[in-house]
Amino acid sequence: MNKKEQTLLNNFPKHQDNLKEQLKNDCEYAQMWLDSLLDDYSQTKDVNDLIYNLKPLIEAKYTICEFANIIGIHRITLYKIFSRKMIPSIEILHKIFTGLGYDLKLSAQKVNRFA
């Protein structure tokens, strides 16, 4: 890679930074992001993916340490959750969503598995 290419690459904003900036400044985009994550969760049932993908929404406004203080859990717990070493409880999920300014609602639908 030549010097000009390296300079351009170094000056080009990182995708994550752009994403965080858009999530921070565009409430509609942030809501669409969250809706998409919840739709994915309804298909995969993978809470680790759900939480991991919430991280940019959190980091758009806070550091992980600041957010942990805001929601009242230890920062190490939050780091473990984001590194997929710990599955969060419903209580922690509720705190995360509340800390982001959302109300987490659960619903149950009857599934007929043997029909």
PDB file of N, CA and C in Angstrom:
ATOM      1  N   MET A   1       0.851  -1.167   0.000  1.00  0.00           N
ATOM      2  CA  MET A   1       0.000   0.000   0.000  1.00  0.00           C
ATOM      3  C   MET A   1       0.899   1.233   0.000  1.00  0.00           C
ATOM      4  N   ASN A   2       0.611   2.158  -0.912  1.00  0.00           N
ATOM      5  CA  ASN A   2       1.440   3.357  -0.981  1.00  0.00           C
ATOM      6  C   ASN A   2       1.000   4.374   0.078  1.00  0.00           C
ATOM      7  N   LYS A   3       1.787   5.424   0.193  1.00  0.00           N
ATOM      8  CA  LYS A   3       1.546   6.434   1.238  1.00  0.00           C
ATOM      9  C   LYS A   3       0.184   7.117   1.059  1.00  0.00           C
ATOM     10  N   LYS A   4      -0.198   7.408  -0.181  1.00  0.00           N
ATOM     11  CA  LYS A   4      -1.480   8.064  -0.446  1.00  0.00           C
ATOM     12  C   LYS A   4      -2.647   7.166  -0.036  1.00  0.00           C
ATOM     13  N   GLU A   5      -2.568   5.876  -0.381  1.00  0.00           N
ATOM     14  CA  GLU A   5      -3.626   4.934  -0.007  1.00  0.00           C
ATOM     15  C   GLU A   5      -3.721   4.813   1.512  1.00  0.00           C
ATOM     16  N   GLN A   6      -2.570   4.749   2.168  1.00  0.00           N
ATOM     17  CA  GLN A   6      -2.554   4.640   3.624  1.00  0.00           C
ATOM     18  C   GLN A   6      -3.171   5.876   4.270  1.00  0.00           C
ATOM     19  N   THR A   7      -2.862   7.055   3.746  1.00  0.00           N
ATOM     20  CA  THR A   7      -3.431   8.301   4.264  1.00  0.00           C
ATOM     21  C   THR A   7      -4.946   8.303   4.098  1.00  0.00           C
ATOM     22  N   LEU A   8      -5.431   7.908   2.920  1.00  0.00           N
ATOM     23  CA  LEU A   8      -6.874   7.844   2.689  1.00  0.00           C
ATOM     24  C   LEU A   8      -7.537   6.867   3.646  1.00  0.00           C
ATOM     25  N   LEU A   9      -6.923   5.703   3.825  1.00  0.00           N
ATOM     26  CA  LEU A   9      -7.476   4.689   4.724  1.00  0.00           C
ATOM     27  C   LEU A   9      -7.521   5.202   6.160  1.00  0.00           C
ATOM     28  N   ASN A  10      -6.460   5.878   6.575  1.00  0.00           N
ATOM     29  CA  ASN A  10      -6.415   6.408   7.942  1.00  0.00           C
ATOM     30  C   ASN A  10      -7.432   7.518   8.164  1.00  0.00           C
ATOM     31  N   ASN A  11      -7.742   8.269   7.117  1.00  0.00           N
ATOM     32  CA  ASN A  11      -8.685   9.382   7.244  1.00  0.00           C
ATOM     33  C   ASN A  11     -10.131   8.965   7.052  1.00  0.00           C
ATOM     34  N   PHE A  12     -10.367   7.812   6.495  1.00  0.00           N
ATOM     35  CA  PHE A  12     -11.729   7.347   6.255  1.00  0.00           C
ATOM     36  C   PHE A  12     -12.339   6.899   7.576  1.00  0.00           C
ATOM     37  N   PRO A  13     -13.492   7.476   7.950  1.00  0.00           N
ATOM     38  CA  PRO A  13     -14.102   7.101   9.244  1.00  0.00           C
ATOM     39  C   PRO A  13     -14.433   5.605   9.286  1.00  0.00           C
ATOM     40  N   LYS A  14     -14.210   5.038  10.427  1.00  0.00           N
ATOM     41  CA  LYS A  14     -14.517   3.619  10.613  1.00  0.00           C
ATOM     42  C   LYS A  14     -16.027   3.407  10.598  1.00  0.00           C
ATOM     43  N   HIS A  15     -16.429   2.247  10.101  1.00  0.00           N
ATOM     44  CA  HIS A  15     -17.856   1.915  10.030  1.00  0.00           C
ATOM     45  C   HIS A  15     -18.518   1.997  11.402  1.00  0.00           C
ATOM     46  N   GLN A  16     -17.869   1.454  12.405  1.00  0.00           N
ATOM     47  CA  GLN A  16     -18.449   1.474  13.760  1.00  0.00           C
ATOM     48  C   GLN A  16     -18.673   2.902  14.240  1.00  0.00           C
ATOM     49  N   ASP A  17     -17.716   3.779  13.946  1.00  0.00           N
ATOM     50  CA  ASP A  17     -17.868   5.173  14.367  1.00  0.00           C
ATOM     51  C   ASP A  17     -19.052   5.822  13.670  1.00  0.00           C
ATOM     52  N   ASN A  18     -19.202   5.539  12.383  1.00  0.00           N
ATOM     53  CA  ASN A  18     -20.345   6.077  11.637  1.00  0.00           C
ATOM     54  C   ASN A  18     -21.656   5.550  12.197  1.00  0.00           C
ATOM     55  N   LEU A  19     -21.685   4.247  12.478  1.00  0.00           N
ATOM     56  CA  LEU A  19     -22.887   3.631  13.030  1.00  0.00           C
ATOM     57  C   LEU A  19     -23.249   4.272  14.366  1.00  0.00           C
ATOM     58  N   LYS A  20     -22.276   4.401  15.244  1.00  0.00           N
ATOM     59  CA  LYS A  20     -22.531   4.998  16.561  1.00  0.00           C
ATOM     60  C   LYS A  20     -23.006   6.441  16.435  1.00  0.00           C
ATOM     61  N   GLU A  21     -22.415   7.173  15.511  1.00  0.00           N
ATOM     62  CA  GLU A  21     -22.823   8.561  15.302  1.00  0.00           C
ATOM     63  C   GLU A  21     -24.272   8.636  14.834  1.00  0.00           C
ATOM     64  N   GLN A  22     -24.649   7.755  13.906  1.00  0.00           N
ATOM     65  CA  GLN A  22     -26.017   7.759  13.405  1.00  0.00           C
ATOM     66  C   GLN A  22     -26.995   7.318  14.495  1.00  0.00           C
ATOM     67  N   LEU A  23     -26.616   6.304  15.287  1.00  0.00           N
ATOM     68  CA  LEU A  23     -27.472   5.862  16.378  1.00  0.00           C
ATOM     69  C   LEU A  23     -27.652   6.960  17.426  1.00  0.00           C
ATOM     70  N   LYS A  24     -26.613   7.738  17.638  1.00  0.00           N
ATOM     71  CA  LYS A  24     -26.664   8.812  18.635  1.00  0.00           C
ATOM     72  C   LYS A  24     -27.547   9.972  18.186  1.00  0.00           C
ATOM     73  N   ASN A  25     -27.478  10.306  16.911  1.00  0.00           N
ATOM     74  CA  ASN A  25     -28.118  11.523  16.425  1.00  0.00           C
ATOM     75  C   ASN A  25     -29.455  11.326  15.724  1.00  0.00           C
ATOM     76  N   ASP A  26     -29.819  10.093  15.439  1.00  0.00           N
ATOM     77  CA  ASP A  26     -31.038   9.840  14.679  1.00  0.00           C
ATOM     78  C   ASP A  26     -31.914   8.843  15.445  1.00  0.00           C
ATOM     79  N   CYS A  27     -32.896   9.366  16.184  1.00  0.00           N
ATOM     80  CA  CYS A  27     -33.765   8.528  17.017  1.00  0.00           C
ATOM     81  C   CYS A  27     -34.539   7.508  16.190  1.00  0.00           C
ATOM     82  N   GLU A  28     -34.971   7.899  15.005  1.00  0.00           N
ATOM     83  CA  GLU A  28     -35.694   6.960  14.129  1.00  0.00           C
ATOM     84  C   GLU A  28     -34.803   5.805  13.710  1.00  0.00           C
ATOM     85  N   TYR A  29     -33.563   6.124  13.368  1.00  0.00           N
ATOM     86  CA  TYR A  29     -32.612   5.077  12.976  1.00  0.00           C
ATOM     87  C   TYR A  29     -32.343   4.143  14.159  1.00  0.00           C
ATOM     88  N   ALA A  30     -32.170   4.723  15.344  1.00  0.00           N
ATOM     89  CA  ALA A  30     -31.934   3.910  16.545  1.00  0.00           C
ATOM     90  C   ALA A  30     -33.120   2.974  16.799  1.00  0.00           C
ATOM     91  N   GLN A  31     -34.341   3.477  16.617  1.00  0.00           N
ATOM     92  CA  GLN A  31     -35.534   2.633  16.801  1.00  0.00           C
ATOM     93  C   GLN A  31     -35.576   1.524  15.755  1.00  0.00           C
ATOM     94  N   MET A  32     -35.245   1.850  14.501  1.00  0.00           N
ATOM     95  CA  MET A  32     -35.210   0.816  13.450  1.00  0.00           C
ATOM     96  C   MET A  32     -34.147  -0.232  13.760  1.00  0.00           C
ATOM     97  N   TRP A  33     -33.000   0.209  14.272  1.00  0.00           N
ATOM     98  CA  TRP A  33     -31.915  -0.702  14.653  1.00  0.00           C
ATOM     99  C   TRP A  33     -32.420  -1.664  15.733  1.00  0.00           C
ATOM    100  N   LEU A  34     -33.051  -1.114  16.749  1.00  0.00           N
ATOM    101  CA  LEU A  34     -33.561  -1.932  17.842  1.00  0.00           C
ATOM    102  C   LEU A  34     -34.659  -2.879  17.357  1.00  0.00           C
ATOM    103  N   ASP A  35     -35.576  -2.386  16.547  1.00  0.00           N
ATOM    104  CA  ASP A  35     -36.636  -3.242  16.002  1.00  0.00           C
ATOM    105  C   ASP A  35     -36.049  -4.403  15.206  1.00  0.00           C
ATOM    106  N   SER A  36     -35.019  -4.119  14.441  1.00  0.00           N
ATOM    107  CA  SER A  36     -34.362  -5.163  13.654  1.00  0.00           C
ATOM    108  C   SER A  36     -33.717  -6.212  14.557  1.00  0.00           C
ATOM    109  N   LEU A  37     -33.071  -5.753  15.630  1.00  0.00           N
ATOM    110  CA  LEU A  37     -32.457  -6.688  16.583  1.00  0.00           C
ATOM    111  C   LEU A  37     -33.508  -7.580  17.233  1.00  0.00           C
ATOM    112  N   LEU A  38     -34.633  -6.987  17.586  1.00  0.00           N
ATOM    113  CA  LEU A  38     -35.701  -7.762  18.224  1.00  0.00           C
ATOM    114  C   LEU A  38     -36.343  -8.735  17.235  1.00  0.00           C
ATOM    115  N   ASP A  39     -36.473  -8.335  15.978  1.00  0.00           N
ATOM    116  CA  ASP A  39     -36.970  -9.263  14.947  1.00  0.00           C
ATOM    117  C   ASP A  39     -36.018 -10.442  14.782  1.00  0.00           C
ATOM    118  N   ASP A  40     -34.722 -10.144  14.733  1.00  0.00           N
ATOM    119  CA  ASP A  40     -33.729 -11.220  14.625  1.00  0.00           C
ATOM    120  C   ASP A  40     -33.821 -12.156  15.829  1.00  0.00           C
ATOM    121  N   TYR A  41     -33.947 -11.563  17.027  1.00  0.00           N
ATOM    122  CA  TYR A  41     -34.060 -12.383  18.235  1.00  0.00           C
ATOM    123  C   TYR A  41     -35.289 -13.286  18.180  1.00  0.00           C
ATOM    124  N   SER A  42     -36.394 -12.772  17.666  1.00  0.00           N
ATOM    125  CA  SER A  42     -37.613 -13.590  17.606  1.00  0.00           C
ATOM    126  C   SER A  42     -37.423 -14.796  16.692  1.00  0.00           C
ATOM    127  N   GLN A  43     -36.503 -14.696  15.748  1.00  0.00           N
ATOM    128  CA  GLN A  43     -36.213 -15.822  14.858  1.00  0.00           C
ATOM    129  C   GLN A  43     -35.166 -16.762  15.456  1.00  0.00           C
ATOM    130  N   THR A  44     -34.085 -16.194  15.997  1.00  0.00           N
ATOM    131  CA  THR A  44     -32.951 -17.014  16.445  1.00  0.00           C
ATOM    132  C   THR A  44     -33.047 -17.458  17.896  1.00  0.00           C
ATOM    133  N   LYS A  45     -33.728 -16.683  18.717  1.00  0.00           N
ATOM    134  CA  LYS A  45     -33.810 -16.910  20.172  1.00  0.00           C
ATOM    135  C   LYS A  45     -32.431 -16.872  20.832  1.00  0.00           C
ATOM    136  N   ASP A  46     -31.498 -16.145  20.225  1.00  0.00           N
ATOM    137  CA  ASP A  46     -30.132 -16.047  20.743  1.00  0.00           C
ATOM    138  C   ASP A  46     -29.964 -14.731  21.505  1.00  0.00           C
ATOM    139  N   VAL A  47     -30.096 -14.803  22.822  1.00  0.00           N
ATOM    140  CA  VAL A  47     -30.015 -13.603  23.654  1.00  0.00           C
ATOM    141  C   VAL A  47     -28.611 -13.005  23.607  1.00  0.00           C
ATOM    142  N   ASN A  48     -27.585 -13.841  23.430  1.00  0.00           N
ATOM    143  CA  ASN A  48     -26.227 -13.314  23.337  1.00  0.00           C
ATOM    144  C   ASN A  48     -26.067 -12.412  22.120  1.00  0.00           C
ATOM    145  N   ASP A  49     -26.626 -12.813  20.981  1.00  0.00           N
ATOM    146  CA  ASP A  49     -26.567 -11.967  19.788  1.00  0.00           C
ATOM    147  C   ASP A  49     -27.343 -10.674  20.007  1.00  0.00           C
ATOM    148  N   LEU A  50     -28.498 -10.778  20.625  1.00  0.00           N
ATOM    149  CA  LEU A  50     -29.299  -9.588  20.903  1.00  0.00           C
ATOM    150  C   LEU A  50     -28.493  -8.581  21.713  1.00  0.00           C
ATOM    151  N   ILE A  51     -27.918  -9.028  22.795  1.00  0.00           N
ATOM    152  CA  ILE A  51     -27.167  -8.139  23.680  1.00  0.00           C
ATOM    153  C   ILE A  51     -25.911  -7.622  22.999  1.00  0.00           C
ATOM    154  N   TYR A  52     -25.197  -8.503  22.321  1.00  0.00           N
ATOM    155  CA  TYR A  52     -23.977  -8.088  21.634  1.00  0.00           C
ATOM    156  C   TYR A  52     -24.275  -6.976  20.622  1.00  0.00           C
ATOM    157  N   ASN A  53     -25.386  -7.092  19.924  1.00  0.00           N
ATOM    158  CA  ASN A  53     -25.747  -6.111  18.912  1.00  0.00           C
ATOM    159  C   ASN A  53     -26.357  -4.841  19.495  1.00  0.00           C
ATOM    160  N   LEU A  54     -26.667  -4.842  20.786  1.00  0.00           N
ATOM    161  CA  LEU A  54     -27.082  -3.614  21.472  1.00  0.00           C
ATOM    162  C   LEU A  54     -25.885  -2.733  21.817  1.00  0.00           C
ATOM    163  N   LYS A  55     -24.711  -3.327  21.818  1.00  0.00           N
ATOM    164  CA  LYS A  55     -23.506  -2.604  22.243  1.00  0.00           C
ATOM    165  C   LYS A  55     -23.300  -1.292  21.477  1.00  0.00           C
ATOM    166  N   PRO A  56     -23.426  -1.250  20.135  1.00  0.00           N
ATOM    167  CA  PRO A  56     -23.248   0.041  19.454  1.00  0.00           C
ATOM    168  C   PRO A  56     -24.261   1.092  19.891  1.00  0.00           C
ATOM    169  N   LEU A  57     -25.476   0.662  20.217  1.00  0.00           N
ATOM    170  CA  LEU A  57     -26.506   1.596  20.684  1.00  0.00           C
ATOM    171  C   LEU A  57     -26.092   2.204  22.026  1.00  0.00           C
ATOM    172  N   ILE A  58     -25.506   1.393  22.881  1.00  0.00           N
ATOM    173  CA  ILE A  58     -25.019   1.875  24.179  1.00  0.00           C
ATOM    174  C   ILE A  58     -23.817   2.793  23.974  1.00  0.00           C
ATOM    175  N   GLU A  59     -22.856   2.317  23.179  1.00  0.00           N
ATOM    176  CA  GLU A  59     -21.617   3.076  22.993  1.00  0.00           C
ATOM    177  C   GLU A  59     -21.821   4.366  22.188  1.00  0.00           C
ATOM    178  N   ALA A  60     -22.972   4.522  21.565  1.00  0.00           N
ATOM    179  CA  ALA A  60     -23.270   5.772  20.869  1.00  0.00           C
ATOM    180  C   ALA A  60     -23.414   6.922  21.861  1.00  0.00           C
ATOM    181  N   LYS A  61     -23.769   6.602  23.097  1.00  0.00           N
ATOM    182  CA  LYS A  61     -24.002   7.649  24.092  1.00  0.00           C
ATOM    183  C   LYS A  61     -23.097   7.553  25.317  1.00  0.00           C
ATOM    184  N   TYR A  62     -22.607   6.360  25.616  1.00  0.00           N
ATOM    185  CA  TYR A  62     -21.884   6.148  26.865  1.00  0.00           C
ATOM    186  C   TYR A  62     -20.670   5.244  26.650  1.00  0.00           C
ATOM    187  N   THR A  63     -19.751   5.289  27.608  1.00  0.00           N
ATOM    188  CA  THR A  63     -18.757   4.226  27.688  1.00  0.00           C
ATOM    189  C   THR A  63     -19.435   3.066  28.413  1.00  0.00           C
ATOM    190  N   ILE A  64     -18.868   1.901  28.319  1.00  0.00           N
ATOM    191  CA  ILE A  64     -19.444   0.744  29.009  1.00  0.00           C
ATOM    192  C   ILE A  64     -19.460   0.987  30.515  1.00  0.00           C
ATOM    193  N   CYS A  65     -18.399   1.583  31.043  1.00  0.00           N
ATOM    194  CA  CYS A  65     -18.344   1.873  32.483  1.00  0.00           C
ATOM    195  C   CYS A  65     -19.432   2.854  32.905  1.00  0.00           C
ATOM    196  N   GLU A  66     -19.632   3.915  32.120  1.00  0.00           N
ATOM    197  CA  GLU A  66     -20.684   4.884  32.435  1.00  0.00           C
ATOM    198  C   GLU A  66     -22.058   4.217  32.416  1.00  0.00           C
ATOM    199  N   PHE A  67     -22.295   3.397  31.394  1.00  0.00           N
ATOM    200  CA  PHE A  67     -23.594   2.746  31.274  1.00  0.00           C
ATOM    201  C   PHE A  67     -23.824   1.775  32.427  1.00  0.00           C
ATOM    202  N   ALA A  68     -22.795   1.033  32.804  1.00  0.00           N
ATOM    203  CA  ALA A  68     -22.918   0.103  33.935  1.00  0.00           C
ATOM    204  C   ALA A  68     -23.309   0.863  35.202  1.00  0.00           C
ATOM    205  N   ASN A  69     -22.709   2.017  35.420  1.00  0.00           N
ATOM    206  CA  ASN A  69     -23.062   2.840  36.588  1.00  0.00           C
ATOM    207  C   ASN A  69     -24.494   3.333  36.502  1.00  0.00           C
ATOM    208  N   ILE A  70     -24.911   3.754  35.317  1.00  0.00           N
ATOM    209  CA  ILE A  70     -26.267   4.267  35.131  1.00  0.00           C
ATOM    210  C   ILE A  70     -27.307   3.205  35.437  1.00  0.00           C
ATOM    211  N   ILE A  71     -27.064   1.965  34.971  1.00  0.00           N
ATOM    212  CA  ILE A  71     -28.072   0.919  35.165  1.00  0.00           C
ATOM    213  C   ILE A  71     -27.885   0.139  36.459  1.00  0.00           C
ATOM    214  N   GLY A  72     -26.811   0.429  37.179  1.00  0.00           N
ATOM    215  CA  GLY A  72     -26.628  -0.158  38.502  1.00  0.00           C
ATOM    216  C   GLY A  72     -26.124  -1.590  38.513  1.00  0.00           C
ATOM    217  N   ILE A  73     -25.281  -1.923  37.537  1.00  0.00           N
ATOM    218  CA  ILE A  73     -24.624  -3.228  37.591  1.00  0.00           C
ATOM    219  C   ILE A  73     -23.120  -3.010  37.477  1.00  0.00           C
ATOM    220  N   HIS A  74     -22.359  -3.986  37.901  1.00  0.00           N
ATOM    221  CA  HIS A  74     -20.907  -3.873  37.861  1.00  0.00           C
ATOM    222  C   HIS A  74     -20.431  -3.912  36.418  1.00  0.00           C
ATOM    223  N   ARG A  75     -19.449  -3.081  36.097  1.00  0.00           N
ATOM    224  CA  ARG A  75     -18.950  -3.008  34.721  1.00  0.00           C
ATOM    225  C   ARG A  75     -18.406  -4.350  34.231  1.00  0.00           C
ATOM    226  N   ILE A  76     -17.820  -5.121  35.125  1.00  0.00           N
ATOM    227  CA  ILE A  76     -17.286  -6.435  34.745  1.00  0.00           C
ATOM    228  C   ILE A  76     -18.423  -7.333  34.260  1.00  0.00           C
ATOM    229  N   THR A  77     -19.569  -7.240  34.907  1.00  0.00           N
ATOM    230  CA  THR A  77     -20.736  -8.016  34.480  1.00  0.00           C
ATOM    231  C   THR A  77     -21.118  -7.645  33.053  1.00  0.00           C
ATOM    232  N   LEU A  78     -21.147  -6.356  32.766  1.00  0.00           N
ATOM    233  CA  LEU A  78     -21.491  -5.907  31.421  1.00  0.00           C
ATOM    234  C   LEU A  78     -20.451  -6.365  30.403  1.00  0.00           C
ATOM    235  N   TYR A  79     -19.175  -6.277  30.761  1.00  0.00           N
ATOM    236  CA  TYR A  79     -18.122  -6.759  29.862  1.00  0.00           C
ATOM    237  C   TYR A  79     -18.256  -8.262  29.594  1.00  0.00           C
ATOM    238  N   LYS A  80     -18.583  -9.027  30.627  1.00  0.00           N
ATOM    239  CA  LYS A  80     -18.780 -10.474  30.450  1.00  0.00           C
ATOM    240  C   LYS A  80     -19.952 -10.758  29.519  1.00  0.00           C
ATOM    241  N   ILE A  81     -21.013  -9.975  29.663  1.00  0.00           N
ATOM    242  CA  ILE A  81     -22.182 -10.154  28.798  1.00  0.00           C
ATOM    243  C   ILE A  81     -21.807  -9.858  27.347  1.00  0.00           C
ATOM    244  N   PHE A  82     -21.098  -8.748  27.114  1.00  0.00           N
ATOM    245  CA  PHE A  82     -20.730  -8.370  25.752  1.00  0.00           C
ATOM    246  C   PHE A  82     -19.688  -9.292  25.132  1.00  0.00           C
ATOM    247  N   SER A  83     -18.917  -9.974  25.963  1.00  0.00           N
ATOM    248  CA  SER A  83     -17.938 -10.923  25.426  1.00  0.00           C
ATOM    249  C   SER A  83     -18.513 -12.340  25.354  1.00  0.00           C
ATOM    250  N   ARG A  84     -19.819 -12.447  25.600  1.00  0.00           N
ATOM    251  CA  ARG A  84     -20.553 -13.712  25.499  1.00  0.00           C
ATOM    252  C   ARG A  84     -20.083 -14.765  26.504  1.00  0.00           C
ATOM    253  N   LYS A  85     -19.542 -14.296  27.627  1.00  0.00           N
ATOM    254  CA  LYS A  85     -19.114 -15.201  28.696  1.00  0.00           C
ATOM    255  C   LYS A  85     -20.190 -15.368  29.750  1.00  0.00           C
ATOM    256  N   MET A  86     -21.256 -14.577  29.608  1.00  0.00           N
ATOM    257  CA  MET A  86     -22.342 -14.610  30.580  1.00  0.00           C
ATOM    258  C   MET A  86     -23.646 -14.289  29.864  1.00  0.00           C
ATOM    259  N   ILE A  87     -24.680 -15.045  30.163  1.00  0.00           N
ATOM    260  CA  ILE A  87     -26.001 -14.769  29.615  1.00  0.00           C
ATOM    261  C   ILE A  87     -26.740 -13.912  30.639  1.00  0.00           C
ATOM    262  N   PRO A  88     -27.240 -12.749  30.212  1.00  0.00           N
ATOM    263  CA  PRO A  88     -27.888 -11.859  31.183  1.00  0.00           C
ATOM    264  C   PRO A  88     -29.231 -12.401  31.644  1.00  0.00           C
ATOM    265  N   SER A  89     -29.548 -12.099  32.882  1.00  0.00           N
ATOM    266  CA  SER A  89     -30.867 -12.435  33.422  1.00  0.00           C
ATOM    267  C   SER A  89     -31.900 -11.486  32.829  1.00  0.00           C
ATOM    268  N   ILE A  90     -33.160 -11.817  33.018  1.00  0.00           N
ATOM    269  CA  ILE A  90     -34.230 -10.919  32.569  1.00  0.00           C
ATOM    270  C   ILE A  90     -34.113  -9.576  33.292  1.00  0.00           C
ATOM    271  N   GLU A  91     -33.728  -9.604  34.556  1.00  0.00           N
ATOM    272  CA  GLU A  91     -33.563  -8.364  35.314  1.00  0.00           C
ATOM    273  C   GLU A  91     -32.499  -7.468  34.678  1.00  0.00           C
ATOM    274  N   ILE A  92     -31.379  -8.054  34.280  1.00  0.00           N
ATOM    275  CA  ILE A  92     -30.324  -7.267  33.648  1.00  0.00           C
ATOM    276  C   ILE A  92     -30.773  -6.779  32.275  1.00  0.00           C
ATOM    277  N   LEU A  93     -31.471  -7.625  31.516  1.00  0.00           N
ATOM    278  CA  LEU A  93     -32.018  -7.184  30.228  1.00  0.00           C
ATOM    279  C   LEU A  93     -32.919  -5.968  30.416  1.00  0.00           C
ATOM    280  N   HIS A  94     -33.776  -6.041  31.427  1.00  0.00           N
ATOM    281  CA  HIS A  94     -34.680  -4.929  31.725  1.00  0.00           C
ATOM    282  C   HIS A  94     -33.870  -3.665  32.040  1.00  0.00           C
ATOM    283  N   LYS A  95     -32.830  -3.795  32.843  1.00  0.00           N
ATOM    284  CA  LYS A  95     -31.998  -2.641  33.190  1.00  0.00           C
ATOM    285  C   LYS A  95     -31.320  -2.058  31.958  1.00  0.00           C
ATOM    286  N   ILE A  96     -30.840  -2.911  31.071  1.00  0.00           N
ATOM    287  CA  ILE A  96     -30.181  -2.438  29.853  1.00  0.00           C
ATOM    288  C   ILE A  96     -31.161  -1.660  28.986  1.00  0.00           C
ATOM    289  N   PHE A  97     -32.339  -2.228  28.754  1.00  0.00           N
ATOM    290  CA  PHE A  97     -33.331  -1.541  27.926  1.00  0.00           C
ATOM    291  C   PHE A  97     -33.792  -0.236  28.573  1.00  0.00           C
ATOM    292  N   THR A  98     -34.025  -0.260  29.878  1.00  0.00           N
ATOM    293  CA  THR A  98     -34.435   0.948  30.593  1.00  0.00           C
ATOM    294  C   THR A  98     -33.341   2.010  30.511  1.00  0.00           C
ATOM    295  N   GLY A  99     -32.089   1.583  30.670  1.00  0.00           N
ATOM    296  CA  GLY A  99     -30.968   2.512  30.573  1.00  0.00           C
ATOM    297  C   GLY A  99     -30.852   3.151  29.200  1.00  0.00           C
ATOM    298  N   LEU A 100     -31.294   2.435  28.178  1.00  0.00           N
ATOM    299  CA  LEU A 100     -31.298   2.965  26.813  1.00  0.00           C
ATOM    300  C   LEU A 100     -32.537   3.814  26.528  1.00  0.00           C
ATOM    301  N   GLY A 101     -33.469   3.822  27.484  1.00  0.00           N
ATOM    302  CA  GLY A 101     -34.681   4.626  27.313  1.00  0.00           C
ATOM    303  C   GLY A 101     -35.842   3.868  26.693  1.00  0.00           C
ATOM    304  N   TYR A 102     -35.813   2.556  26.770  1.00  0.00           N
ATOM    305  CA  TYR A 102     -36.878   1.730  26.199  1.00  0.00           C
ATOM    306  C   TYR A 102     -37.530   0.891  27.285  1.00  0.00           C
ATOM    307  N   ASP A 103     -38.777   0.553  27.062  1.00  0.00           N
ATOM    308  CA  ASP A 103     -39.509  -0.330  27.962  1.00  0.00           C
ATOM    309  C   ASP A 103     -39.474  -1.730  27.355  1.00  0.00           C
ATOM    310  N   LEU A 104     -38.920  -2.675  28.068  1.00  0.00           N
ATOM    311  CA  LEU A 104     -38.853  -4.055  27.598  1.00  0.00           C
ATOM    312  C   LEU A 104     -40.138  -4.766  27.988  1.00  0.00           C
ATOM    313  N   LYS A 105     -40.858  -5.261  26.989  1.00  0.00           N
ATOM    314  CA  LYS A 105     -42.096  -5.991  27.232  1.00  0.00           C
ATOM    315  C   LYS A 105     -41.933  -7.407  26.709  1.00  0.00           C
ATOM    316  N   LEU A 106     -42.375  -8.349  27.495  1.00  0.00           N
ATOM    317  CA  LEU A 106     -42.343  -9.747  27.089  1.00  0.00           C
ATOM    318  C   LEU A 106     -43.751 -10.193  26.761  1.00  0.00           C
ATOM    319  N   SER A 107     -43.850 -11.082  25.814  1.00  0.00           N
ATOM    320  CA  SER A 107     -45.157 -11.653  25.512  1.00  0.00           C
ATOM    321  C   SER A 107     -44.979 -13.146  25.276  1.00  0.00           C
ATOM    322  N   ALA A 108     -46.040 -13.863  25.457  1.00  0.00           N
ATOM    323  CA  ALA A 108     -46.008 -15.310  25.243  1.00  0.00           C
ATOM    324  C   ALA A 108     -47.139 -15.688  24.303  1.00  0.00           C
ATOM    325  N   GLN A 109     -46.826 -16.576  23.388  1.00  0.00           N
ATOM    326  CA  GLN A 109     -47.825 -17.077  22.470  1.00  0.00           C
ATOM    327  C   GLN A 109     -47.818 -18.592  22.551  1.00  0.00           C
ATOM    328  N   LYS A 110     -48.988 -19.148  22.589  1.00  0.00           N
ATOM    329  CA  LYS A 110     -49.139 -20.597  22.650  1.00  0.00           C
ATOM    330  C   LYS A 110     -48.575 -21.211  21.368  1.00  0.00           C
ATOM    331  N   VAL A 111     -47.737 -22.213  21.526  1.00  0.00           N
ATOM    332  CA  VAL A 111     -47.160 -22.928  20.394  1.00  0.00           C
ATOM    333  C   VAL A 111     -47.612 -24.375  20.464  1.00  0.00           C
ATOM    334  N   ASN A 112     -48.200 -24.848  19.415  1.00  0.00           N
ATOM    335  CA  ASN A 112     -48.622 -26.235  19.354  1.00  0.00           C
ATOM    336  C   ASN A 112     -47.517 -27.040  18.677  1.00  0.00           C
ATOM    337  N   ARG A 113     -46.652 -27.610  19.477  1.00  0.00           N
ATOM    338  CA  ARG A 113     -45.476 -28.314  18.950  1.00  0.00           C
ATOM    339  C   ARG A 113     -45.806 -29.677  18.347  1.00  0.00           C
ATOM    340  N   PHE A 114     -46.920 -30.252  18.706  1.00  0.00           N
ATOM    341  CA  PHE A 114     -47.214 -31.625  18.260  1.00  0.00           C
ATOM    342  C   PHE A 114     -48.349 -31.699  17.247  1.00  0.00           C
ATOM    343  N   ALA A 115     -48.684 -30.591  16.665  1.00  0.00           N
ATOM    344  CA  ALA A 115     -49.799 -30.601  15.694  1.00  0.00           C
ATOM    345  C   ALA A 115     -49.289 -30.823  14.293  1.00  0.00           C
TER     346      ALA A 115
END
